[in-house]
N, C-alpha and C. Protein backbone atom coordinates (compact mmCIF):
# COMPACT_ATOMS: atom_id res chain seq x y z
N MET A 1 24.19 -5.18 6.97
CA MET A 1 24.27 -4.37 5.77
C MET A 1 23.88 -5.18 4.54
N LEU A 2 24.13 -6.50 4.55
CA LEU A 2 23.80 -7.35 3.42
C LEU A 2 22.31 -7.31 3.12
N LEU A 3 21.46 -7.35 4.14
CA LEU A 3 20.02 -7.31 3.95
C LEU A 3 19.62 -6.01 3.25
N THR A 4 20.15 -4.90 3.71
CA THR A 4 19.82 -3.61 3.13
C THR A 4 20.21 -3.54 1.66
N TRP A 5 21.42 -3.99 1.32
CA TRP A 5 21.87 -3.92 -0.06
C TRP A 5 21.10 -4.87 -0.95
N LYS A 6 20.79 -6.06 -0.45
CA LYS A 6 20.00 -7.00 -1.26
C LYS A 6 18.62 -6.43 -1.53
N ARG A 7 17.99 -5.85 -0.51
CA ARG A 7 16.66 -5.29 -0.68
C ARG A 7 16.71 -4.09 -1.63
N LEU A 8 17.74 -3.27 -1.48
CA LEU A 8 17.91 -2.14 -2.39
C LEU A 8 18.06 -2.62 -3.82
N LEU A 9 18.86 -3.66 -4.01
CA LEU A 9 19.04 -4.23 -5.34
C LEU A 9 17.71 -4.74 -5.88
N LEU A 10 16.94 -5.38 -5.02
CA LEU A 10 15.62 -5.89 -5.42
C LEU A 10 14.74 -4.75 -5.90
N LEU A 11 14.69 -3.67 -5.14
CA LEU A 11 13.84 -2.53 -5.52
C LEU A 11 14.39 -1.78 -6.71
N ALA A 12 15.71 -1.66 -6.78
CA ALA A 12 16.32 -0.94 -7.90
C ALA A 12 16.16 -1.69 -9.21
N SER A 13 15.86 -2.99 -9.15
CA SER A 13 15.75 -3.80 -10.35
C SER A 13 14.37 -3.74 -10.98
N ILE A 14 13.45 -2.99 -10.41
CA ILE A 14 12.10 -2.91 -10.97
C ILE A 14 12.17 -2.19 -12.30
N PHE A 15 11.52 -2.75 -13.29
CA PHE A 15 11.46 -2.05 -14.56
C PHE A 15 10.07 -2.19 -15.17
N PHE A 16 9.71 -1.21 -15.98
CA PHE A 16 8.39 -1.17 -16.58
C PHE A 16 8.49 -1.27 -18.09
N SER A 17 7.57 -1.97 -18.68
CA SER A 17 7.43 -1.97 -20.12
C SER A 17 6.16 -1.17 -20.42
N LEU A 18 6.32 0.07 -20.81
CA LEU A 18 5.17 0.93 -21.02
C LEU A 18 4.34 0.51 -22.22
N GLU A 19 4.96 -0.18 -23.18
CA GLU A 19 4.20 -0.64 -24.34
C GLU A 19 3.19 -1.70 -23.95
N THR A 20 3.60 -2.65 -23.11
CA THR A 20 2.70 -3.75 -22.74
C THR A 20 1.97 -3.50 -21.45
N GLY A 21 2.39 -2.49 -20.67
CA GLY A 21 1.76 -2.24 -19.38
C GLY A 21 2.15 -3.29 -18.36
N ALA A 22 3.25 -3.99 -18.55
CA ALA A 22 3.64 -5.05 -17.62
C ALA A 22 4.65 -4.51 -16.61
N LEU A 23 4.53 -4.96 -15.39
CA LEU A 23 5.49 -4.64 -14.35
C LEU A 23 6.22 -5.91 -14.00
N SER A 24 7.53 -5.88 -14.05
CA SER A 24 8.35 -7.05 -13.73
C SER A 24 9.34 -6.67 -12.65
N LEU A 25 9.81 -7.68 -11.94
CA LEU A 25 10.77 -7.47 -10.86
C LEU A 25 11.87 -8.49 -11.03
N THR A 26 13.11 -8.05 -10.87
CA THR A 26 14.22 -8.99 -10.97
C THR A 26 14.93 -9.09 -9.64
N THR A 27 15.54 -10.22 -9.38
CA THR A 27 16.34 -10.45 -8.18
C THR A 27 17.35 -11.54 -8.48
N SER A 28 18.21 -11.87 -7.54
CA SER A 28 19.31 -12.77 -7.83
C SER A 28 19.01 -14.26 -7.65
N SER A 29 17.85 -14.64 -7.14
CA SER A 29 17.58 -16.06 -6.96
C SER A 29 16.09 -16.34 -7.09
N PRO A 30 15.72 -17.54 -7.58
CA PRO A 30 14.30 -17.86 -7.76
C PRO A 30 13.62 -18.10 -6.41
N HIS A 31 12.43 -17.59 -6.27
CA HIS A 31 11.62 -17.78 -5.07
C HIS A 31 10.24 -17.18 -5.32
N LEU A 32 9.43 -17.12 -4.28
CA LEU A 32 8.13 -16.48 -4.35
C LEU A 32 8.22 -15.12 -3.69
N LEU A 33 7.59 -14.12 -4.26
CA LEU A 33 7.64 -12.76 -3.74
C LEU A 33 6.73 -12.65 -2.52
N THR A 34 7.26 -12.07 -1.45
CA THR A 34 6.53 -11.83 -0.22
C THR A 34 6.51 -10.33 0.03
N LEU A 35 5.33 -9.77 0.35
CA LEU A 35 5.23 -8.34 0.63
C LEU A 35 4.03 -8.04 1.50
N SER A 36 4.05 -6.88 2.13
CA SER A 36 2.93 -6.44 2.97
C SER A 36 1.86 -5.80 2.10
N ALA A 37 0.62 -5.90 2.57
CA ALA A 37 -0.51 -5.35 1.82
C ALA A 37 -1.54 -4.76 2.78
N ILE A 38 -2.21 -3.72 2.31
CA ILE A 38 -3.35 -3.15 3.03
C ILE A 38 -4.58 -3.59 2.24
N ILE A 39 -5.44 -4.36 2.88
CA ILE A 39 -6.57 -5.02 2.22
C ILE A 39 -7.86 -4.64 2.94
N SER A 40 -8.99 -4.61 2.24
CA SER A 40 -10.30 -4.45 2.88
C SER A 40 -10.82 -5.83 3.29
N ASP A 41 -11.27 -5.98 4.56
CA ASP A 41 -11.87 -7.24 4.97
C ASP A 41 -13.32 -7.30 4.49
N ALA A 42 -14.04 -8.35 4.82
CA ALA A 42 -15.41 -8.55 4.33
C ALA A 42 -16.36 -7.43 4.76
N GLU A 43 -16.08 -6.77 5.89
CA GLU A 43 -16.92 -5.67 6.38
C GLU A 43 -16.42 -4.30 5.91
N GLY A 44 -15.38 -4.28 5.08
CA GLY A 44 -14.86 -3.02 4.55
C GLY A 44 -13.84 -2.33 5.44
N HIS A 45 -13.38 -3.03 6.50
CA HIS A 45 -12.34 -2.46 7.36
C HIS A 45 -10.97 -2.75 6.76
N ALA A 46 -10.10 -1.76 6.77
CA ALA A 46 -8.73 -1.97 6.29
C ALA A 46 -8.00 -2.88 7.28
N GLN A 47 -7.17 -3.75 6.73
CA GLN A 47 -6.29 -4.58 7.56
C GLN A 47 -4.98 -4.75 6.82
N ILE A 48 -3.94 -5.06 7.58
CA ILE A 48 -2.62 -5.26 7.00
C ILE A 48 -2.32 -6.75 7.04
N GLN A 49 -1.87 -7.28 5.90
CA GLN A 49 -1.54 -8.70 5.80
C GLN A 49 -0.18 -8.87 5.14
N CYS A 50 0.44 -10.01 5.43
CA CYS A 50 1.66 -10.40 4.74
C CYS A 50 1.25 -11.41 3.66
N LEU A 51 1.50 -11.06 2.40
CA LEU A 51 1.10 -11.89 1.26
C LEU A 51 2.31 -12.52 0.60
N GLN A 52 2.08 -13.67 -0.01
CA GLN A 52 3.09 -14.30 -0.85
C GLN A 52 2.44 -14.60 -2.19
N PHE A 53 3.01 -14.03 -3.26
CA PHE A 53 2.50 -14.29 -4.60
C PHE A 53 2.84 -15.72 -4.99
N LEU A 54 1.96 -16.38 -5.74
CA LEU A 54 2.09 -17.81 -6.01
C LEU A 54 2.90 -18.15 -7.26
N HIS A 55 3.18 -17.16 -8.09
CA HIS A 55 3.97 -17.45 -9.29
C HIS A 55 5.44 -17.27 -8.97
N PRO A 56 6.26 -18.28 -9.24
CA PRO A 56 7.69 -18.20 -8.89
C PRO A 56 8.47 -17.35 -9.89
N PHE A 57 9.63 -16.92 -9.43
CA PHE A 57 10.57 -16.24 -10.30
C PHE A 57 11.08 -17.23 -11.35
N ASN A 58 11.44 -16.73 -12.52
CA ASN A 58 12.04 -17.52 -13.59
C ASN A 58 13.47 -17.05 -13.81
N THR A 59 14.23 -17.84 -14.52
CA THR A 59 15.60 -17.47 -14.84
C THR A 59 15.58 -16.31 -15.83
N TYR A 60 16.35 -15.29 -15.52
CA TYR A 60 16.49 -14.14 -16.41
C TYR A 60 17.44 -14.52 -17.54
N PRO A 61 17.26 -14.02 -18.76
CA PRO A 61 18.10 -14.44 -19.89
C PRO A 61 19.60 -14.25 -19.69
N THR A 62 20.02 -13.26 -18.91
CA THR A 62 21.46 -13.05 -18.73
C THR A 62 21.90 -13.59 -17.37
N VAL A 63 21.59 -12.90 -16.29
CA VAL A 63 21.90 -13.37 -14.94
C VAL A 63 20.71 -13.05 -14.05
N GLY A 64 20.58 -13.76 -12.94
CA GLY A 64 19.52 -13.48 -11.99
C GLY A 64 18.21 -14.14 -12.37
N SER A 65 17.12 -13.55 -11.89
CA SER A 65 15.79 -14.09 -12.16
C SER A 65 14.81 -12.95 -12.34
N VAL A 66 13.63 -13.29 -12.85
CA VAL A 66 12.63 -12.29 -13.17
C VAL A 66 11.25 -12.83 -12.79
N LEU A 67 10.37 -11.92 -12.41
CA LEU A 67 9.00 -12.28 -12.05
C LEU A 67 8.06 -11.30 -12.74
N HIS A 68 7.15 -11.81 -13.55
CA HIS A 68 6.10 -10.96 -14.11
C HIS A 68 5.08 -10.79 -12.99
N LEU A 69 4.93 -9.56 -12.50
CA LEU A 69 4.04 -9.31 -11.38
C LEU A 69 2.58 -9.18 -11.80
N ALA A 70 2.34 -8.33 -12.79
CA ALA A 70 0.96 -8.04 -13.18
C ALA A 70 0.96 -7.12 -14.38
N ASN A 71 -0.16 -7.09 -15.07
CA ASN A 71 -0.36 -6.06 -16.07
C ASN A 71 -0.82 -4.82 -15.33
N VAL A 72 -0.20 -3.68 -15.65
CA VAL A 72 -0.47 -2.45 -14.93
C VAL A 72 -0.83 -1.34 -15.90
N THR A 73 -1.34 -0.25 -15.33
CA THR A 73 -1.75 0.88 -16.14
C THR A 73 -1.59 2.17 -15.34
N ASN A 74 -1.42 3.30 -16.02
CA ASN A 74 -1.46 4.62 -15.40
C ASN A 74 -0.47 4.77 -14.23
N VAL A 75 0.79 4.42 -14.45
CA VAL A 75 1.82 4.55 -13.42
C VAL A 75 1.99 6.04 -13.09
N THR A 76 1.96 6.35 -11.78
CA THR A 76 2.03 7.73 -11.33
C THR A 76 3.24 7.93 -10.41
N TYR A 77 3.98 8.99 -10.62
CA TYR A 77 5.12 9.39 -9.81
C TYR A 77 4.62 10.44 -8.82
N VAL A 78 4.78 10.20 -7.53
CA VAL A 78 4.22 11.07 -6.50
C VAL A 78 5.33 11.60 -5.61
N VAL A 79 5.33 12.92 -5.35
CA VAL A 79 6.27 13.54 -4.43
C VAL A 79 5.46 14.07 -3.25
N LEU A 80 5.83 13.61 -2.04
CA LEU A 80 5.10 13.97 -0.83
C LEU A 80 6.02 14.78 0.08
N PRO A 81 5.55 15.91 0.61
CA PRO A 81 6.42 16.76 1.42
C PRO A 81 6.79 16.12 2.76
N PRO A 82 7.92 16.54 3.34
CA PRO A 82 8.30 16.02 4.65
C PRO A 82 7.26 16.38 5.71
N HIS A 83 7.13 15.53 6.71
CA HIS A 83 6.23 15.76 7.86
C HIS A 83 4.79 15.99 7.41
N SER A 84 4.35 15.31 6.35
CA SER A 84 2.99 15.50 5.87
C SER A 84 2.13 14.30 6.23
N LYS A 85 0.81 14.52 6.21
CA LYS A 85 -0.16 13.47 6.53
C LYS A 85 -1.26 13.49 5.48
N GLU A 86 -1.59 12.32 4.98
CA GLU A 86 -2.69 12.23 4.01
C GLU A 86 -4.04 12.17 4.69
N GLY A 87 -4.08 11.85 5.96
CA GLY A 87 -5.36 11.70 6.63
C GLY A 87 -6.01 10.39 6.21
N LEU A 88 -7.25 10.20 6.60
CA LEU A 88 -7.97 8.97 6.28
C LEU A 88 -8.29 8.96 4.78
N HIS A 89 -7.87 7.92 4.09
CA HIS A 89 -8.08 7.85 2.65
C HIS A 89 -8.05 6.39 2.18
N LYS A 90 -8.50 6.19 0.97
CA LYS A 90 -8.43 4.89 0.29
C LYS A 90 -7.62 5.09 -0.99
N PRO A 91 -6.92 4.05 -1.42
CA PRO A 91 -6.24 4.19 -2.72
C PRO A 91 -7.29 4.29 -3.83
N PRO A 92 -6.98 5.03 -4.89
CA PRO A 92 -7.95 5.17 -5.99
C PRO A 92 -8.16 3.86 -6.75
N HIS A 93 -7.18 2.98 -6.69
CA HIS A 93 -7.24 1.70 -7.40
C HIS A 93 -6.48 0.66 -6.57
N VAL A 94 -6.73 -0.61 -6.81
CA VAL A 94 -5.88 -1.66 -6.25
C VAL A 94 -4.55 -1.52 -6.96
N MET A 95 -3.46 -1.38 -6.18
CA MET A 95 -2.20 -1.02 -6.82
C MET A 95 -0.98 -1.43 -6.00
N PHE A 96 0.16 -1.45 -6.68
CA PHE A 96 1.44 -1.48 -6.01
C PHE A 96 1.76 -0.05 -5.58
N PHE A 97 2.34 0.09 -4.40
CA PHE A 97 2.90 1.36 -3.94
C PHE A 97 4.37 1.09 -3.74
N ILE A 98 5.21 1.82 -4.46
CA ILE A 98 6.66 1.59 -4.41
C ILE A 98 7.32 2.86 -3.88
N LEU A 99 7.83 2.79 -2.67
CA LEU A 99 8.50 3.94 -2.08
C LEU A 99 9.94 3.98 -2.57
N LEU A 100 10.29 5.02 -3.31
CA LEU A 100 11.63 5.15 -3.86
C LEU A 100 12.57 5.87 -2.92
N SER A 101 12.03 6.83 -2.13
CA SER A 101 12.83 7.54 -1.15
C SER A 101 11.91 8.06 -0.06
N GLY A 102 12.48 8.34 1.11
CA GLY A 102 11.70 8.89 2.20
C GLY A 102 11.23 7.81 3.16
N LEU A 103 10.11 8.08 3.82
CA LEU A 103 9.57 7.21 4.86
C LEU A 103 8.06 7.37 4.89
N ALA A 104 7.34 6.26 4.99
CA ALA A 104 5.88 6.29 5.11
C ALA A 104 5.45 5.42 6.28
N HIS A 105 4.40 5.85 6.99
CA HIS A 105 3.86 5.12 8.13
C HIS A 105 2.35 5.01 7.95
N VAL A 106 1.85 3.77 7.89
CA VAL A 106 0.43 3.51 7.69
C VAL A 106 -0.17 3.00 9.00
N THR A 107 -1.29 3.59 9.41
CA THR A 107 -2.04 3.12 10.58
C THR A 107 -3.51 3.00 10.19
N LEU A 108 -4.29 2.36 11.05
CA LEU A 108 -5.70 2.13 10.79
C LEU A 108 -6.56 2.96 11.74
N PRO A 109 -7.80 3.28 11.36
CA PRO A 109 -8.69 4.05 12.23
C PRO A 109 -8.92 3.32 13.56
N THR A 110 -9.12 4.08 14.63
CA THR A 110 -9.28 3.47 15.96
C THR A 110 -10.55 2.64 16.09
N GLU A 111 -11.60 2.95 15.33
CA GLU A 111 -12.83 2.16 15.40
C GLU A 111 -12.73 0.87 14.58
N ASN A 112 -11.60 0.67 13.94
CA ASN A 112 -11.36 -0.52 13.12
C ASN A 112 -11.02 -1.70 14.02
N PRO A 113 -11.63 -2.89 13.80
CA PRO A 113 -11.29 -4.05 14.62
C PRO A 113 -9.82 -4.48 14.48
N HIS A 114 -9.16 -4.01 13.45
CA HIS A 114 -7.75 -4.33 13.23
C HIS A 114 -6.84 -3.21 13.76
N ASP A 115 -7.42 -2.27 14.54
CA ASP A 115 -6.64 -1.15 15.08
C ASP A 115 -5.43 -1.68 15.83
N GLY A 116 -4.35 -0.98 15.71
CA GLY A 116 -3.11 -1.41 16.33
C GLY A 116 -2.13 -1.95 15.29
N GLN A 117 -2.66 -2.39 14.14
CA GLN A 117 -1.77 -2.80 13.06
C GLN A 117 -1.14 -1.55 12.45
N GLU A 118 0.12 -1.64 12.13
CA GLU A 118 0.79 -0.53 11.47
C GLU A 118 1.79 -1.08 10.47
N LEU A 119 2.18 -0.23 9.55
CA LEU A 119 3.12 -0.62 8.52
C LEU A 119 4.08 0.53 8.27
N TRP A 120 5.37 0.30 8.49
CA TRP A 120 6.41 1.27 8.16
C TRP A 120 6.96 0.88 6.81
N ILE A 121 7.02 1.85 5.90
CA ILE A 121 7.50 1.59 4.54
C ILE A 121 8.77 2.39 4.33
N THR A 122 9.84 1.68 3.97
CA THR A 122 11.13 2.32 3.70
C THR A 122 11.67 1.75 2.40
N PRO A 123 12.42 2.54 1.63
CA PRO A 123 12.93 2.02 0.37
C PRO A 123 13.94 0.89 0.53
N ASP A 124 14.59 0.79 1.68
CA ASP A 124 15.60 -0.26 1.85
C ASP A 124 15.10 -1.41 2.71
N GLY A 125 13.82 -1.48 2.97
CA GLY A 125 13.27 -2.56 3.78
C GLY A 125 12.11 -3.23 3.07
N ASN A 126 10.98 -2.58 3.07
CA ASN A 126 9.78 -3.14 2.43
C ASN A 126 9.14 -2.07 1.56
N GLY A 127 9.89 -1.53 0.63
CA GLY A 127 9.43 -0.42 -0.20
C GLY A 127 8.38 -0.77 -1.23
N LEU A 128 8.14 -2.04 -1.46
CA LEU A 128 7.11 -2.49 -2.39
C LEU A 128 5.98 -3.10 -1.58
N ILE A 129 4.80 -2.47 -1.62
CA ILE A 129 3.63 -3.01 -0.93
C ILE A 129 2.45 -3.01 -1.90
N VAL A 130 1.35 -3.62 -1.47
CA VAL A 130 0.10 -3.55 -2.20
C VAL A 130 -0.87 -2.70 -1.39
N ALA A 131 -1.53 -1.75 -2.04
CA ALA A 131 -2.61 -0.97 -1.43
C ALA A 131 -3.90 -1.40 -2.11
N ALA A 132 -4.76 -2.09 -1.37
CA ALA A 132 -5.97 -2.66 -1.97
C ALA A 132 -7.21 -2.44 -1.12
N ASP A 133 -7.17 -1.52 -0.18
CA ASP A 133 -8.34 -1.25 0.66
C ASP A 133 -9.23 -0.19 0.01
N VAL A 134 -9.69 -0.49 -1.19
CA VAL A 134 -10.50 0.46 -1.97
C VAL A 134 -11.95 0.49 -1.50
N GLU A 135 -12.37 -0.49 -0.73
CA GLU A 135 -13.72 -0.54 -0.16
C GLU A 135 -13.66 -0.08 1.30
N GLY A 136 -14.74 0.46 1.81
CA GLY A 136 -14.80 0.83 3.22
C GLY A 136 -14.17 2.18 3.51
N VAL A 137 -13.63 2.31 4.72
CA VAL A 137 -13.17 3.60 5.23
C VAL A 137 -11.76 3.97 4.79
N GLY A 138 -10.85 3.01 4.76
CA GLY A 138 -9.48 3.30 4.35
C GLY A 138 -8.51 3.28 5.52
N HIS A 139 -7.40 3.98 5.34
CA HIS A 139 -6.30 3.99 6.31
C HIS A 139 -5.67 5.38 6.36
N PHE A 140 -4.79 5.60 7.34
CA PHE A 140 -4.04 6.84 7.46
C PHE A 140 -2.62 6.60 6.96
N THR A 141 -2.05 7.58 6.29
CA THR A 141 -0.64 7.52 5.92
C THR A 141 0.00 8.85 6.26
N GLU A 142 1.16 8.77 6.92
CA GLU A 142 1.95 9.97 7.18
C GLU A 142 3.35 9.75 6.65
N TYR A 143 4.02 10.85 6.35
CA TYR A 143 5.38 10.83 5.82
C TYR A 143 6.25 11.63 6.79
N PRO A 144 6.75 10.97 7.86
CA PRO A 144 7.41 11.67 8.96
C PRO A 144 8.88 12.02 8.72
N GLY A 145 9.42 11.69 7.57
CA GLY A 145 10.83 11.93 7.31
C GLY A 145 11.20 13.40 7.18
N GLU A 146 12.49 13.67 7.23
CA GLU A 146 13.02 15.03 7.11
C GLU A 146 13.03 15.53 5.67
N GLY A 147 13.04 14.60 4.71
CA GLY A 147 13.04 14.99 3.30
C GLY A 147 11.75 14.54 2.61
N GLU A 148 11.63 14.89 1.35
CA GLU A 148 10.46 14.46 0.57
C GLU A 148 10.43 12.94 0.47
N SER A 149 9.24 12.39 0.39
CA SER A 149 9.06 10.97 0.09
C SER A 149 8.60 10.88 -1.36
N VAL A 150 9.24 10.02 -2.12
CA VAL A 150 8.91 9.87 -3.54
C VAL A 150 8.45 8.43 -3.75
N ALA A 151 7.34 8.28 -4.46
CA ALA A 151 6.77 6.94 -4.65
C ALA A 151 6.20 6.80 -6.06
N LEU A 152 6.04 5.54 -6.45
CA LEU A 152 5.30 5.20 -7.65
C LEU A 152 3.99 4.52 -7.22
N GLN A 153 2.90 4.94 -7.83
CA GLN A 153 1.62 4.27 -7.66
C GLN A 153 1.37 3.52 -8.96
N VAL A 154 1.20 2.20 -8.85
CA VAL A 154 1.15 1.35 -10.04
C VAL A 154 -0.13 0.51 -9.98
N PRO A 155 -1.25 1.02 -10.54
CA PRO A 155 -2.51 0.28 -10.49
C PRO A 155 -2.48 -0.99 -11.35
N PHE A 156 -3.13 -2.03 -10.85
CA PHE A 156 -3.30 -3.26 -11.63
C PHE A 156 -4.31 -2.98 -12.73
N MET A 157 -4.01 -3.43 -13.94
CA MET A 157 -4.87 -3.15 -15.08
C MET A 157 -6.29 -3.66 -14.86
N ASP A 158 -6.44 -4.85 -14.29
CA ASP A 158 -7.77 -5.42 -14.09
C ASP A 158 -8.33 -5.16 -12.70
N GLY A 159 -7.61 -4.41 -11.86
CA GLY A 159 -8.09 -4.08 -10.53
C GLY A 159 -8.02 -5.21 -9.53
N LYS A 160 -7.34 -6.30 -9.88
CA LYS A 160 -7.28 -7.46 -8.99
C LYS A 160 -5.83 -7.82 -8.67
N LEU A 161 -5.64 -8.33 -7.46
CA LEU A 161 -4.32 -8.80 -7.05
C LEU A 161 -3.93 -10.05 -7.82
N PRO A 162 -2.65 -10.23 -8.10
CA PRO A 162 -2.19 -11.51 -8.66
C PRO A 162 -2.48 -12.64 -7.66
N GLU A 163 -2.46 -13.88 -8.13
CA GLU A 163 -2.70 -15.02 -7.24
C GLU A 163 -1.72 -14.95 -6.07
N HIS A 164 -2.25 -15.16 -4.86
CA HIS A 164 -1.43 -15.05 -3.67
C HIS A 164 -2.04 -15.87 -2.53
N ARG A 165 -1.26 -16.00 -1.46
CA ARG A 165 -1.78 -16.57 -0.24
C ARG A 165 -1.41 -15.64 0.90
N VAL A 166 -2.21 -15.66 1.96
CA VAL A 166 -1.95 -14.84 3.14
C VAL A 166 -1.05 -15.65 4.07
N LEU A 167 0.13 -15.10 4.35
CA LEU A 167 1.05 -15.77 5.28
C LEU A 167 0.67 -15.49 6.72
N ASN A 168 0.28 -14.25 7.01
CA ASN A 168 -0.15 -13.89 8.36
C ASN A 168 -0.83 -12.54 8.36
N GLN A 169 -1.56 -12.27 9.45
CA GLN A 169 -2.17 -10.97 9.66
C GLN A 169 -1.08 -10.03 10.15
N GLY A 170 -1.13 -8.78 9.73
CA GLY A 170 -0.10 -7.82 10.08
C GLY A 170 0.96 -7.76 8.99
N ALA A 171 1.84 -6.78 9.11
CA ALA A 171 2.90 -6.58 8.12
C ALA A 171 3.86 -7.76 8.12
N CYS A 172 4.50 -8.00 6.99
CA CYS A 172 5.54 -9.01 6.92
C CYS A 172 6.65 -8.59 7.88
N GLY A 173 7.10 -9.54 8.67
CA GLY A 173 8.17 -9.26 9.62
C GLY A 173 9.52 -9.53 8.99
N MET A 174 10.55 -9.25 9.74
CA MET A 174 11.91 -9.47 9.26
C MET A 174 12.12 -10.91 8.83
N GLU A 175 11.50 -11.87 9.54
CA GLU A 175 11.72 -13.27 9.18
C GLU A 175 11.23 -13.58 7.77
N GLU A 176 10.09 -13.02 7.36
CA GLU A 176 9.61 -13.25 5.99
C GLU A 176 10.52 -12.56 4.98
N LEU A 177 10.95 -11.34 5.28
CA LEU A 177 11.82 -10.61 4.35
C LEU A 177 13.18 -11.26 4.24
N VAL A 178 13.75 -11.71 5.35
CA VAL A 178 15.04 -12.37 5.32
C VAL A 178 14.95 -13.68 4.54
N GLU A 179 13.88 -14.44 4.79
CA GLU A 179 13.69 -15.71 4.06
C GLU A 179 13.60 -15.44 2.58
N GLN A 180 12.89 -14.41 2.18
CA GLN A 180 12.75 -14.07 0.76
C GLN A 180 14.12 -13.71 0.17
N LEU A 181 14.92 -12.97 0.88
CA LEU A 181 16.19 -12.51 0.35
C LEU A 181 17.26 -13.60 0.34
N GLU A 182 17.15 -14.57 1.23
CA GLU A 182 18.16 -15.63 1.32
C GLU A 182 17.87 -16.80 0.39
N MET A 183 16.67 -16.87 -0.16
CA MET A 183 16.32 -18.00 -1.03
C MET A 183 17.06 -17.91 -2.33
């Protein structure tokens, strides 16, 4: 239960400064942010990777810590019906996708060399991801939950990911998420 509450706290601490277009994230200890991402490879095929942003969290003025993630623009609130499918699509911009409620399941086209990779997105597990497969064919997303899925789409102002490194191919596993939460 501790993992779920810490992750929920992490996601609940997201706040936006609409004047500056900045997206920041707060958490209880300094570390590097790790999250799953859907990226286009050199041939335009979507693939799922586990990324770690290179800028560390800083001490928050009161308690906890804070991380400036990126300058963002045009934040969109999206409500998706239960048992719905988006079909094959690409994100309109390189962006954060933040699932606030519900359930999302991302898969790749069968002709994709990365076929078999999948990403389950839940608000209490890995609700913050990057969608950056704007080139090529794209990916499939379905919302198999019993209730509506609600998300924020948060495009990067310059269309580029913050500095990061690839930890591994495929979605971040529990070991990466647990390490992030325990640091």
